[in-house]
Structures are given as structure tokens and as C-alpha cells.
Amino acid sequence: MTNKLTQKEANMLIEMFKNMAQGKVYFPSDKGRISPPLTAKSIDEKENFIIDISRGGINANKATYQARHKRTNQILLRLDVNPTQKHPNPVGSVIEEIVNSN
């Protein structure tokens, strides 16, 4: 693999089973991040991953979970959780998501 993953390589890395290096993971109780980041290895131990977990600044209920491939530092997966369903943009506009429960 080169320093920039192809979509096929990224998919392969995402689908791999992984083992966490840390036994227990404690979610940050207030705004901030887990430092140092969590690490994981593929089952065959050939690939290494970094898992970032952080809580929001203004709204501590917001959280970000992100998995990166260690060698390339490319983001493989990212999930941003925002319970208010509103996202303020730097230009001042607000994006509101409408959730359909059906």
C-alpha cells in the first residue's frame, strides 16, 4: 500500500477484525478527548489502527468517534453524535436535521 489508500484498501481495512490494545475504555466525563488515543491491531497483527474519542467543547453531549489507519494516518471511519440535531456553521447559519421515526 502507498501512503494514500485506495477505496478498495480502505474497505479491506475497515472490514478487518481488530483487537483493542487497551482492556477497558473510559469515555471522557466532560469535554475533551482520550489521550493518548486508543490503539488496535488487526487479528493477524499486520495492521495498526488509532481510535480517537472526544467530547464536544460547547456542548459536552456531542461526541466524535474516529478510526485511523496508523501507517497512513488516513481516517477510515468517523461518527459525529450531536443530540441537539443542530450544527452551527462558522458563517453563522445553522443546519437542522429532521429525523423521521417511521
Protein backbone atom coordinates (compact mmCIF):
# COMPACT_ATOMS: atom_id res chain seq x y z
CA MET A 1 0.00 0.00 0.00
CA THR A 2 1.15 3.56 -0.68
CA ASN A 3 0.68 6.48 1.71
CA LYS A 4 -2.74 7.18 0.20
CA LEU A 5 -5.17 4.31 0.44
CA THR A 6 -7.42 3.37 -2.43
CA GLN A 7 -11.10 2.86 -1.66
CA LYS A 8 -10.58 -0.89 -2.04
CA GLU A 9 -7.71 -0.85 0.51
CA ALA A 10 -9.73 1.30 2.92
CA ASN A 11 -12.71 -1.07 2.67
CA MET A 12 -10.43 -4.03 3.37
CA LEU A 13 -9.02 -2.31 6.48
CA ILE A 14 -12.50 -1.34 7.72
CA GLU A 15 -13.77 -4.90 7.35
CA MET A 16 -10.83 -6.47 9.23
CA PHE A 17 -11.44 -7.83 12.71
CA LYS A 18 -9.41 -5.92 15.26
CA ASN A 19 -8.24 -6.36 18.86
CA MET A 20 -8.07 -3.35 21.17
CA ALA A 21 -4.72 -2.90 22.90
CA GLN A 22 -6.42 -1.44 26.00
CA GLY A 23 -8.59 -3.67 28.19
CA LYS A 24 -11.13 -1.11 29.41
CA VAL A 25 -12.06 2.16 27.76
CA TYR A 26 -13.34 5.08 29.81
CA PHE A 27 -15.34 7.69 27.94
CA PRO A 28 -14.27 11.27 28.79
CA SER A 29 -16.60 12.54 31.53
CA ASP A 30 -16.52 16.14 30.31
CA LYS A 31 -15.33 17.92 27.18
CA GLY A 32 -12.01 16.66 25.99
CA ARG A 33 -10.51 13.56 24.44
CA ILE A 34 -8.96 10.29 25.39
CA SER A 35 -5.24 10.93 25.41
CA PRO A 36 -3.20 9.16 24.26
CA PRO A 37 -5.60 7.80 21.64
CA LEU A 38 -6.69 4.17 21.80
CA THR A 39 -4.95 1.64 19.60
CA ALA A 40 -5.98 -1.59 17.91
CA LYS A 41 -4.33 -4.27 15.78
CA SER A 42 -5.69 -6.50 13.09
CA ILE A 43 -6.10 -10.12 14.16
CA ASP A 44 -3.02 -11.08 12.11
CA GLU A 45 -1.18 -8.14 13.77
CA LYS A 46 -0.03 -6.75 10.40
CA GLU A 47 -2.12 -3.56 10.53
CA ASN A 48 -2.36 -0.96 13.32
CA PHE A 49 -5.19 1.47 13.98
CA ILE A 50 -5.77 4.57 16.11
CA ILE A 51 -9.18 5.25 17.64
CA ASP A 52 -9.95 8.82 18.69
CA ILE A 53 -12.82 9.53 21.08
CA SER A 54 -13.65 13.09 22.07
CA ARG A 55 -16.50 15.06 23.62
CA GLY A 56 -17.70 18.43 22.36
CA GLY A 57 -16.46 21.80 23.54
CA ILE A 58 -19.57 23.96 23.96
CA ASN A 59 -21.96 21.00 24.21
CA ALA A 60 -20.41 18.15 26.23
CA ASN A 61 -23.17 15.83 24.94
CA LYS A 62 -21.59 15.95 21.47
CA ALA A 63 -19.07 13.22 20.71
CA THR A 64 -16.78 12.15 17.89
CA TYR A 65 -15.53 8.62 17.28
CA GLN A 66 -12.88 8.22 14.62
CA ALA A 67 -10.76 5.30 13.40
CA ARG A 68 -7.50 5.94 11.53
CA HIS A 69 -5.02 3.66 9.83
CA LYS A 70 -1.80 4.21 11.76
CA ARG A 71 0.73 3.92 8.91
CA THR A 72 -1.05 6.34 6.57
CA ASN A 73 -2.95 8.33 9.24
CA GLN A 74 -5.98 8.26 6.93
CA ILE A 75 -9.42 8.40 8.51
CA LEU A 76 -11.30 5.17 7.81
CA LEU A 77 -14.50 5.82 9.77
CA ARG A 78 -15.90 8.83 11.62
CA LEU A 79 -19.10 9.26 13.58
CA ASP A 80 -20.19 12.62 14.98
CA VAL A 81 -23.00 12.46 17.53
CA ASN A 82 -24.95 15.64 18.21
CA PRO A 83 -28.08 15.11 20.33
CA THR A 84 -29.38 18.62 19.61
CA GLN A 85 -29.57 17.78 15.88
CA LYS A 86 -28.29 21.31 15.15
CA HIS A 87 -24.90 22.18 13.75
CA PRO A 88 -23.71 25.82 13.77
CA ASN A 89 -21.56 26.64 10.75
CA PRO A 90 -18.69 29.13 11.09
CA VAL A 91 -20.54 31.59 8.79
CA GLY A 92 -23.44 31.79 11.26
CA SER A 93 -26.03 29.57 9.58
CA VAL A 94 -27.45 26.56 11.43
CA ILE A 95 -28.10 23.15 9.89
CA GLU A 96 -31.03 21.29 11.48
CA GLU A 97 -31.59 17.63 10.78
CA ILE A 98 -35.13 16.32 10.69
CA VAL A 99 -35.30 12.76 11.96
CA ASN A 100 -38.14 10.61 10.66
CA SER A 101 -39.11 7.93 13.16
CA ASN A 102 -41.10 5.88 10.60
